[in-house]
Amino acid sequence: MPQLQSAFGLLVLLGLAFAISEDRGAVRPRTVALALALTVGLALLLLKVPGVTAAFSGIAAGVDAVAAATRAGTGFVFGYLGGGPLPFDPKTPGADFVLAFQALPIVLVVSALTTLLFHWGVLQPVVRGFSLMLERTLGIGGAVGLSTAANIFVGMVEAPLFIRPYLAGLTRGELFMVMTGGMAGIAGTVFVLYATLLRDVVPNVAGHLAVASILGAPAAILVSHLMVPDPAGGTTAAPTTAPAKIADSTMDAIVRGTTVGLELLLNICAMIIVLVALVHLANAILGLLPDVMGAPVTLQRGLGLLMAPVCWLLGLPWDQAVTAGGLMGIKTVLNELIAYVELSKLPADALDPRARLILTYAMCGFANFGSLGIMIGGLAAMAPERRDEIVSLGLKSIVSGTLSTCVIGATVGTMV
């Protein structure tokens, strides 16, 4: 059964994290067992309990509302390029969709909304609630719990701002948990974007992305503890003061959120252009090599073969593992946005619905080399005295973040 395959893969992934641990003797079985139980328990609750699943299905309505509101703005500014009425009949179905003018501007709206919710004090109690759950169930320090919980809603640089005064005093294991939490999730600013891209590929994808963001917290703690445990079991206390104000008024919050969103939007556009161009260039160079097994050598094929065993461990059939491995490789080497775009373009028969769902979870994280630079720069600026240690843990955080999202994918694979 594919569910048993996923369960076997889950154990292998955890065994791999333990095998590459800095100090296997310091790993606390109780913490591992509780973190695994919390990950599996939350997955069962969010995916199998009818009332809860119905609530998460309702997230799709919210995503549709934000997308429609964004199209109203882009259509007004960019006309038919932004989703407004077409002045002609398109010759090719889907040719009227322009990524830069219709999907990506969602980042602007979500950034402004997120800043507003923080300014109004709506999200802080939610973050603190998740933090308390992690502290009391897993016995981790309050500072780490707060940062990891914040990663459910904000990005890898914004979340540590909640505990900025405590970063310098974190133990090595706690610092690694903070870094892994950033790599094992996505920011709220891109959540709606990914849901919009995949809405026709994965049913109720918005709800599944929300579940993936929540499961990323205990999964990150589980994997990071296996890889970099604290011999002394450090537990840095939670901050007792509220985070600094992010805006002076509602209008100021809108302006600040829009400004931050604009920077992110421009970065995403530039990143897509450059990375897609580099992939095309790499494939052109690899195309000079003779065909292998009757097909040209491409970056996607190479990455697919490399990551295929991992995808099989997630519970995918072997005949689909190479295709899925290519997407996982693109996610790791480039980023998850391009991987999701490629997933949305795959023919219907390339991956079955179960494989697409598992991949959606397994790729829902920032664990890639580009994000590593962002994380090191942000954390080093907040805790300059820990810069060398942050850099030394950088590559490990990519591995731990990837293993965390794969653990989530395998966990979901045991239930679908």
Protein backbone atom coordinates (compact mmCIF):
# COMPACT_ATOMS: atom_id res chain seq x y z
CA MET A 1 0.00 0.00 0.00
CA PRO A 2 1.28 3.51 -0.79
CA GLN A 3 0.40 4.62 2.76
CA LEU A 4 2.78 2.01 4.17
CA GLN A 5 5.42 3.20 1.71
CA SER A 6 5.03 6.74 3.09
CA ALA A 7 5.22 5.44 6.67
CA PHE A 8 8.44 3.58 5.83
CA GLY A 9 9.79 6.72 4.17
CA LEU A 10 8.94 8.79 7.26
CA LEU A 11 11.05 6.49 9.43
CA VAL A 12 13.92 6.54 6.91
CA LEU A 13 13.91 10.36 6.76
CA LEU A 14 14.02 10.60 10.56
CA GLY A 15 16.76 7.96 10.61
CA LEU A 16 18.76 10.04 8.12
CA ALA A 17 18.43 13.13 10.32
CA PHE A 18 19.64 11.08 13.30
CA ALA A 19 22.51 9.57 11.29
CA ILE A 20 23.94 13.01 10.43
CA SER A 21 23.42 14.36 13.96
CA GLU A 22 26.21 16.38 15.56
CA ASP A 23 25.79 14.48 18.82
CA ARG A 24 23.57 11.41 18.66
CA GLY A 25 24.05 10.78 22.37
CA ALA A 26 22.42 14.13 23.20
CA VAL A 27 19.21 13.38 21.31
CA ARG A 28 16.35 13.11 23.81
CA PRO A 29 13.94 10.28 22.84
CA ARG A 30 11.09 12.00 24.70
CA THR A 31 11.44 15.19 22.66
CA VAL A 32 11.60 13.18 19.42
CA ALA A 33 8.57 11.09 20.34
CA LEU A 34 6.51 14.10 21.42
CA ALA A 35 7.44 16.15 18.33
CA LEU A 36 6.59 13.24 16.02
CA ALA A 37 3.33 12.61 17.87
CA LEU A 38 2.41 16.32 17.65
CA THR A 39 3.18 16.40 13.91
CA VAL A 40 1.12 13.27 13.20
CA GLY A 41 -1.65 14.30 15.61
CA LEU A 42 -2.03 17.75 14.06
CA ALA A 43 -2.07 16.21 10.58
CA LEU A 44 -4.85 13.83 11.62
CA LEU A 45 -6.80 16.66 13.23
CA LEU A 46 -6.45 19.06 10.31
CA LEU A 47 -6.95 16.51 7.53
CA LYS A 48 -9.37 13.94 8.95
CA VAL A 49 -11.70 15.61 11.47
CA PRO A 50 -14.71 16.78 9.41
CA GLY A 51 -15.39 20.06 11.21
CA VAL A 52 -11.75 21.11 11.10
CA THR A 53 -11.27 20.14 7.47
CA ALA A 54 -14.39 22.10 6.54
CA ALA A 55 -12.95 25.17 8.27
CA PHE A 56 -9.71 24.85 6.34
CA SER A 57 -11.64 24.33 3.13
CA GLY A 58 -13.14 27.74 3.80
CA ILE A 59 -9.69 29.26 3.44
CA ALA A 60 -10.11 28.84 -0.31
CA ALA A 61 -12.94 31.38 -0.21
CA GLY A 62 -10.64 33.87 1.48
CA VAL A 63 -7.94 33.25 -1.10
CA ASP A 64 -10.46 33.78 -3.90
CA ALA A 65 -11.58 37.04 -2.29
CA VAL A 66 -8.01 38.34 -2.04
CA ALA A 67 -7.28 37.24 -5.62
CA ALA A 68 -10.44 38.94 -6.92
CA ALA A 69 -9.60 42.12 -5.01
CA THR A 70 -6.09 42.09 -6.46
CA ARG A 71 -7.44 41.62 -9.99
CA ALA A 72 -9.70 44.63 -9.45
CA GLY A 73 -6.61 46.71 -8.67
CA THR A 74 -4.38 45.27 -11.42
CA GLY A 75 -7.20 45.49 -13.96
CA PHE A 76 -7.69 49.16 -13.13
CA VAL A 77 -3.97 49.93 -13.42
CA PHE A 78 -2.87 47.57 -16.21
CA GLY A 79 -6.12 47.00 -18.09
CA TYR A 80 -6.48 43.61 -19.79
CA LEU A 81 -2.86 42.77 -18.96
CA GLY A 82 -3.86 42.85 -15.30
CA GLY A 83 -6.97 40.74 -15.73
CA GLY A 84 -9.39 43.35 -17.06
CA PRO A 85 -11.79 42.70 -19.98
CA LEU A 86 -10.01 41.66 -23.17
CA PRO A 87 -10.43 43.93 -26.21
CA PHE A 88 -9.98 40.89 -28.47
CA ASP A 89 -10.62 37.14 -28.59
CA PRO A 90 -7.52 35.14 -27.58
CA LYS A 91 -6.40 32.57 -30.13
CA THR A 92 -4.80 30.32 -27.50
CA PRO A 93 -6.57 29.36 -24.23
CA GLY A 94 -4.71 30.83 -21.26
CA ALA A 95 -2.71 33.26 -23.40
CA ASP A 96 -4.38 36.18 -21.65
CA PHE A 97 -2.75 35.26 -18.31
CA VAL A 98 0.31 37.42 -17.53
CA LEU A 99 2.12 36.24 -14.40
CA ALA A 100 3.80 39.56 -13.56
CA PHE A 101 0.59 41.60 -13.86
CA GLN A 102 -2.07 39.19 -12.55
CA ALA A 103 -0.68 36.65 -10.04
CA LEU A 104 2.43 38.23 -8.55
CA PRO A 105 0.78 41.53 -7.43
CA ILE A 106 -1.11 39.46 -4.85
CA VAL A 107 2.08 39.82 -2.80
CA LEU A 108 1.38 43.57 -2.49
CA VAL A 109 -2.13 43.09 -1.14
CA VAL A 110 -1.21 40.29 1.27
CA SER A 111 1.79 42.25 2.59
CA ALA A 112 -0.46 45.22 3.34
CA LEU A 113 -3.10 42.98 4.96
CA THR A 114 -0.51 41.19 7.12
CA THR A 115 0.96 44.47 8.32
CA LEU A 116 -2.54 45.74 9.14
CA LEU A 117 -3.37 42.62 11.16
CA PHE A 118 -0.17 42.96 13.15
CA HIS A 119 -0.80 46.68 13.69
CA TRP A 120 -4.32 45.96 14.95
CA GLY A 121 -2.97 43.23 17.26
CA VAL A 122 -4.92 40.41 15.61
CA LEU A 123 -2.05 38.03 14.78
CA GLN A 124 0.05 38.43 17.94
CA PRO A 125 -2.29 36.39 20.21
CA VAL A 126 -2.51 33.66 17.56
CA VAL A 127 1.28 33.46 17.34
CA ARG A 128 1.57 33.39 21.13
CA GLY A 129 -1.02 30.60 21.31
CA PHE A 130 0.98 28.38 18.96
CA SER A 131 4.12 29.26 20.92
CA LEU A 132 2.58 28.12 24.22
CA MET A 133 1.44 24.87 22.63
CA LEU A 134 4.98 24.12 21.44
CA GLU A 135 6.51 25.04 24.81
CA ARG A 136 4.13 22.92 26.89
CA THR A 137 4.02 19.87 24.63
CA LEU A 138 7.66 19.67 23.54
CA GLY A 139 9.42 21.35 26.44
CA ILE A 140 11.38 23.76 24.24
CA GLY A 141 12.41 27.26 25.26
CA GLY A 142 9.82 30.00 25.01
CA ALA A 143 11.99 32.13 22.72
CA VAL A 144 12.38 29.31 20.20
CA GLY A 145 8.68 28.46 20.46
CA LEU A 146 7.71 32.04 19.73
CA SER A 147 9.99 32.33 16.69
CA THR A 148 8.92 28.93 15.32
CA ALA A 149 5.25 29.78 15.78
CA ALA A 150 5.75 33.14 14.06
CA ASN A 151 7.15 31.29 11.04
CA ILE A 152 3.63 29.99 10.39
CA PHE A 153 2.61 33.52 9.42
CA VAL A 154 5.76 35.46 8.50
CA GLY A 155 9.09 34.80 6.79
CA MET A 156 12.47 33.54 7.96
CA VAL A 157 13.81 37.03 8.74
CA GLU A 158 10.65 38.55 10.20
CA ALA A 159 10.01 35.70 12.70
CA PRO A 160 13.33 36.08 14.60
CA LEU A 161 12.49 39.77 15.08
CA PHE A 162 9.99 38.59 17.73
CA ILE A 163 12.92 37.36 19.83
CA ARG A 164 15.69 39.68 18.64
CA PRO A 165 16.97 40.55 22.16
CA TYR A 166 17.30 36.83 22.93
CA LEU A 167 19.13 35.66 19.78
CA ALA A 168 22.60 36.25 21.18
CA GLY A 169 21.84 34.09 24.22
CA LEU A 170 20.31 31.09 22.43
CA THR A 171 22.11 27.78 22.69
CA ARG A 172 23.51 26.26 19.48
CA GLY A 173 20.58 23.84 19.27
CA GLU A 174 18.04 26.60 19.81
CA LEU A 175 19.68 28.78 17.16
CA PHE A 176 19.48 25.87 14.73
CA MET A 177 15.80 25.38 15.57
CA VAL A 178 15.16 29.03 14.70
CA MET A 179 16.98 28.61 11.37
CA THR A 180 15.23 25.33 10.56
CA GLY A 181 11.85 26.86 11.36
CA GLY A 182 12.55 29.55 8.77
CA MET A 183 13.56 27.01 6.15
CA ALA A 184 10.64 24.64 6.82
CA GLY A 185 7.83 27.12 6.10
CA ILE A 186 6.70 29.86 3.75
CA ALA A 187 5.72 33.45 4.48
CA GLY A 188 2.15 34.65 4.53
CA THR A 189 3.04 37.12 1.78
CA VAL A 190 3.49 34.28 -0.74
CA PHE A 191 0.85 31.92 0.63
CA VAL A 192 -1.96 33.34 -1.49
CA LEU A 193 0.33 33.51 -4.53
CA TYR A 194 1.11 29.79 -4.35
CA ALA A 195 -2.55 28.95 -3.71
CA THR A 196 -3.49 30.95 -6.80
CA LEU A 197 -0.89 29.21 -8.95
CA LEU A 198 -2.00 25.71 -7.88
CA ARG A 199 -5.75 26.19 -7.57
CA ASP A 200 -6.43 24.24 -10.80
CA VAL A 201 -3.85 21.55 -10.01
CA VAL A 202 -4.53 20.53 -6.39
CA PRO A 203 -8.10 20.59 -5.01
CA ASN A 204 -8.47 22.86 -1.94
CA VAL A 205 -4.81 23.79 -2.23
CA ALA A 206 -5.22 26.85 0.00
CA GLY A 207 -6.31 24.68 2.91
CA HIS A 208 -3.45 22.26 2.31
CA LEU A 209 -0.87 25.06 2.23
CA ALA A 210 -2.26 26.36 5.52
CA VAL A 211 -1.95 22.87 7.04
CA ALA A 212 1.62 22.61 5.71
CA SER A 213 2.51 25.92 7.38
CA ILE A 214 1.16 24.71 10.74
CA LEU A 215 2.83 21.28 10.53
CA GLY A 216 6.11 23.00 9.66
CA ALA A 217 6.53 24.12 13.30
CA PRO A 218 6.64 20.72 15.07
CA ALA A 219 8.38 19.08 12.10
CA ALA A 220 11.15 21.69 12.21
CA ILE A 221 11.63 21.14 15.94
CA LEU A 222 11.70 17.37 15.41
CA VAL A 223 14.32 17.39 12.65
CA SER A 224 16.48 20.16 14.11
CA HIS A 225 16.66 18.39 17.48
CA LEU A 226 17.77 15.19 15.75
CA MET A 227 20.48 17.00 13.79
CA VAL A 228 21.79 19.54 16.33
CA PRO A 229 20.66 18.56 19.84
CA ASP A 230 21.60 20.49 22.96
CA PRO A 231 23.65 18.34 25.35
CA ALA A 232 22.49 20.49 28.26
CA GLY A 233 18.92 20.84 27.02
CA GLY A 234 18.84 24.63 26.77
CA THR A 235 15.52 26.41 27.21
CA THR A 236 15.80 30.16 26.74
CA ALA A 237 12.84 31.97 28.25
CA ALA A 238 10.16 33.61 26.16
CA PRO A 239 10.16 37.39 25.67
CA THR A 240 7.96 39.15 28.19
CA THR A 241 7.65 42.41 26.28
CA ALA A 242 5.50 42.96 23.22
CA PRO A 243 7.20 43.36 19.83
CA ALA A 244 7.97 46.90 18.78
CA LYS A 245 5.27 48.82 16.93
CA ILE A 246 5.42 48.35 13.19
CA ALA A 247 3.27 51.37 12.33
CA ASP A 248 1.86 54.54 13.89
CA SER A 249 -1.60 54.34 12.36
CA THR A 250 -3.77 52.23 10.08
CA MET A 251 -2.80 54.27 7.05
CA ASP A 252 0.86 54.03 8.01
CA ALA A 253 0.50 50.25 8.26
CA ILE A 254 -0.98 50.12 4.76
CA VAL A 255 1.83 52.27 3.37
CA ARG A 256 4.56 50.29 5.15
CA GLY A 257 3.07 46.95 4.14
CA THR A 258 2.73 48.04 0.53
CA THR A 259 6.32 49.30 0.46
CA VAL A 260 7.65 46.02 1.83
CA GLY A 261 5.44 44.11 -0.59
CA LEU A 262 6.76 46.16 -3.51
CA GLU A 263 10.35 45.26 -2.63
CA LEU A 264 9.37 41.61 -2.41
CA LEU A 265 7.43 41.77 -5.69
CA LEU A 266 10.36 43.30 -7.57
CA ASN A 267 12.72 40.74 -6.06
CA ILE A 268 10.42 37.88 -7.10
CA CYS A 269 10.11 39.19 -10.68
CA ALA A 270 13.86 39.65 -11.02
CA MET A 271 14.54 36.27 -9.44
CA ILE A 272 12.19 34.45 -11.80
CA ILE A 273 13.68 36.11 -14.87
CA VAL A 274 17.26 35.32 -13.85
CA LEU A 275 16.70 31.79 -12.58
CA VAL A 276 14.57 30.70 -15.55
CA ALA A 277 17.22 32.16 -17.85
CA LEU A 278 19.98 30.30 -16.00
CA VAL A 279 18.07 27.01 -16.22
CA HIS A 280 17.58 27.57 -19.95
CA LEU A 281 21.29 28.34 -20.34
CA ALA A 282 22.30 25.26 -18.32
CA ASN A 283 20.05 23.08 -20.47
CA ALA A 284 21.56 24.59 -23.62
CA ILE A 285 25.05 23.67 -22.39
CA LEU A 286 23.95 20.19 -21.30
CA GLY A 287 22.31 19.77 -24.71
CA LEU A 288 25.79 19.55 -26.22
CA LEU A 289 26.15 16.16 -24.56
CA PRO A 290 24.89 13.03 -26.35
CA ASP A 291 21.39 11.85 -25.53
CA VAL A 292 20.99 9.51 -22.58
CA MET A 293 18.32 6.80 -22.76
CA GLY A 294 16.93 8.39 -25.90
CA ALA A 295 16.36 11.85 -24.42
CA PRO A 296 18.45 15.03 -24.13
CA VAL A 297 20.35 15.69 -20.93
CA THR A 298 18.70 18.51 -18.97
CA LEU A 299 19.04 20.00 -15.52
CA GLN A 300 15.54 18.80 -14.66
CA ARG A 301 16.34 15.20 -15.61
CA GLY A 302 19.56 15.24 -13.60
CA LEU A 303 17.87 16.64 -10.53
CA GLY A 304 15.00 14.23 -11.02
CA LEU A 305 17.29 11.21 -10.93
CA LEU A 306 19.09 12.59 -7.88
CA MET A 307 15.92 13.30 -5.88
CA ALA A 308 13.83 10.37 -7.16
CA PRO A 309 14.65 8.10 -4.16
CA VAL A 310 13.49 10.87 -1.80
CA CYS A 311 10.21 11.18 -3.68
CA TRP A 312 9.75 7.41 -3.55
CA LEU A 313 10.20 7.59 0.22
CA LEU A 314 7.41 10.16 0.33
CA GLY A 315 5.09 7.50 -1.10
CA LEU A 316 5.13 8.24 -4.83
CA PRO A 317 5.21 5.42 -7.41
CA TRP A 318 8.67 4.94 -8.91
CA ASP A 319 7.41 5.73 -12.44
CA GLN A 320 6.48 9.21 -11.17
CA ALA A 321 9.41 9.68 -8.80
CA VAL A 322 11.82 11.03 -11.45
CA THR A 323 9.34 13.69 -12.58
CA ALA A 324 8.63 14.62 -8.97
CA GLY A 325 12.35 14.54 -8.16
CA GLY A 326 12.96 17.13 -10.85
CA LEU A 327 10.52 19.47 -9.10
CA MET A 328 12.11 18.79 -5.71
CA GLY A 329 15.53 19.49 -7.19
CA ILE A 330 14.36 22.77 -8.73
CA LYS A 331 12.85 23.72 -5.36
CA THR A 332 16.16 23.08 -3.59
CA VAL A 333 18.60 24.51 -6.13
CA LEU A 334 16.40 27.42 -7.30
CA ASN A 335 13.28 28.00 -5.16
CA GLU A 336 9.82 26.69 -4.37
CA LEU A 337 8.06 29.35 -6.48
CA ILE A 338 9.60 28.11 -9.73
CA ALA A 339 8.94 24.52 -8.65
CA TYR A 340 5.26 25.32 -8.05
CA VAL A 341 5.05 27.09 -11.41
CA GLU A 342 6.52 23.98 -13.08
CA LEU A 343 4.07 21.77 -11.16
CA SER A 344 1.18 23.86 -12.43
CA LYS A 345 2.38 23.33 -16.02
CA LEU A 346 2.76 19.53 -15.85
CA PRO A 347 0.41 17.45 -18.03
CA ALA A 348 -2.41 15.79 -16.13
CA ASP A 349 -0.96 12.31 -16.66
CA ALA A 350 2.56 13.21 -15.43
CA LEU A 351 1.61 12.89 -11.74
CA ASP A 352 -1.51 11.43 -10.17
CA PRO A 353 -3.58 13.55 -7.73
CA ARG A 354 -2.04 11.89 -4.65
CA ALA A 355 1.49 12.58 -5.88
CA ARG A 356 0.63 16.22 -6.59
CA LEU A 357 -0.80 16.63 -3.10
CA ILE A 358 2.23 15.08 -1.37
CA LEU A 359 4.58 17.22 -3.47
CA THR A 360 2.64 20.34 -2.54
CA TYR A 361 3.48 19.63 1.10
CA ALA A 362 7.06 18.47 0.47
CA MET A 363 7.93 21.64 -1.47
CA CYS A 364 6.22 24.06 0.96
CA GLY A 365 9.35 25.60 2.46
CA PHE A 366 12.11 28.14 1.87
CA ALA A 367 14.96 25.59 2.03
CA ASN A 368 17.12 26.65 -0.92
CA PHE A 369 20.44 28.37 -1.49
CA GLY A 370 18.94 31.78 -2.27
CA SER A 371 16.99 31.78 0.98
CA LEU A 372 20.15 30.80 2.86
CA GLY A 373 21.79 34.10 1.87
CA ILE A 374 18.73 36.02 3.03
CA MET A 375 18.64 34.18 6.35
CA ILE A 376 22.35 34.57 7.10
CA GLY A 377 22.21 38.27 6.26
CA GLY A 378 19.14 38.86 8.44
CA LEU A 379 20.22 36.83 11.47
CA ALA A 380 23.79 38.14 11.36
CA ALA A 381 22.46 41.70 11.41
CA MET A 382 20.28 40.91 14.45
CA ALA A 383 22.97 38.95 16.34
CA PRO A 384 26.40 39.94 14.94
CA GLU A 385 28.22 38.13 17.76
CA ARG A 386 26.77 34.81 16.50
CA ARG A 387 27.59 35.40 12.82
CA ASP A 388 30.25 32.68 12.52
CA GLU A 389 27.95 30.12 14.13
CA ILE A 390 25.04 31.16 11.91
CA VAL A 391 27.21 30.71 8.82
CA SER A 392 28.48 27.33 10.03
CA LEU A 393 24.90 26.10 10.47
CA GLY A 394 23.73 27.52 7.12
CA LEU A 395 24.10 24.47 4.87
CA LYS A 396 22.76 22.21 7.60
CA SER A 397 19.65 24.38 7.79
CA ILE A 398 18.94 23.72 4.10
CA VAL A 399 19.19 19.99 4.78
CA SER A 400 17.05 20.22 7.93
CA GLY A 401 14.47 22.43 6.23
CA THR A 402 14.22 20.01 3.29
CA LEU A 403 13.96 17.01 5.61
CA SER A 404 11.26 18.82 7.62
CA THR A 405 9.01 19.44 4.61
CA CYS A 406 9.67 15.88 3.39
CA VAL A 407 8.65 14.57 6.82
CA ILE A 408 5.41 16.54 6.44
CA GLY A 409 4.89 15.15 2.93
CA ALA A 410 5.48 11.57 4.12
CA THR A 411 3.17 12.11 7.10
CA VAL A 412 0.39 13.32 4.81
CA GLY A 413 1.16 10.39 2.48
CA THR A 414 0.25 7.97 5.27
CA MET A 415 -3.23 9.52 5.44
CA VAL A 416 -4.25 9.97 1.79
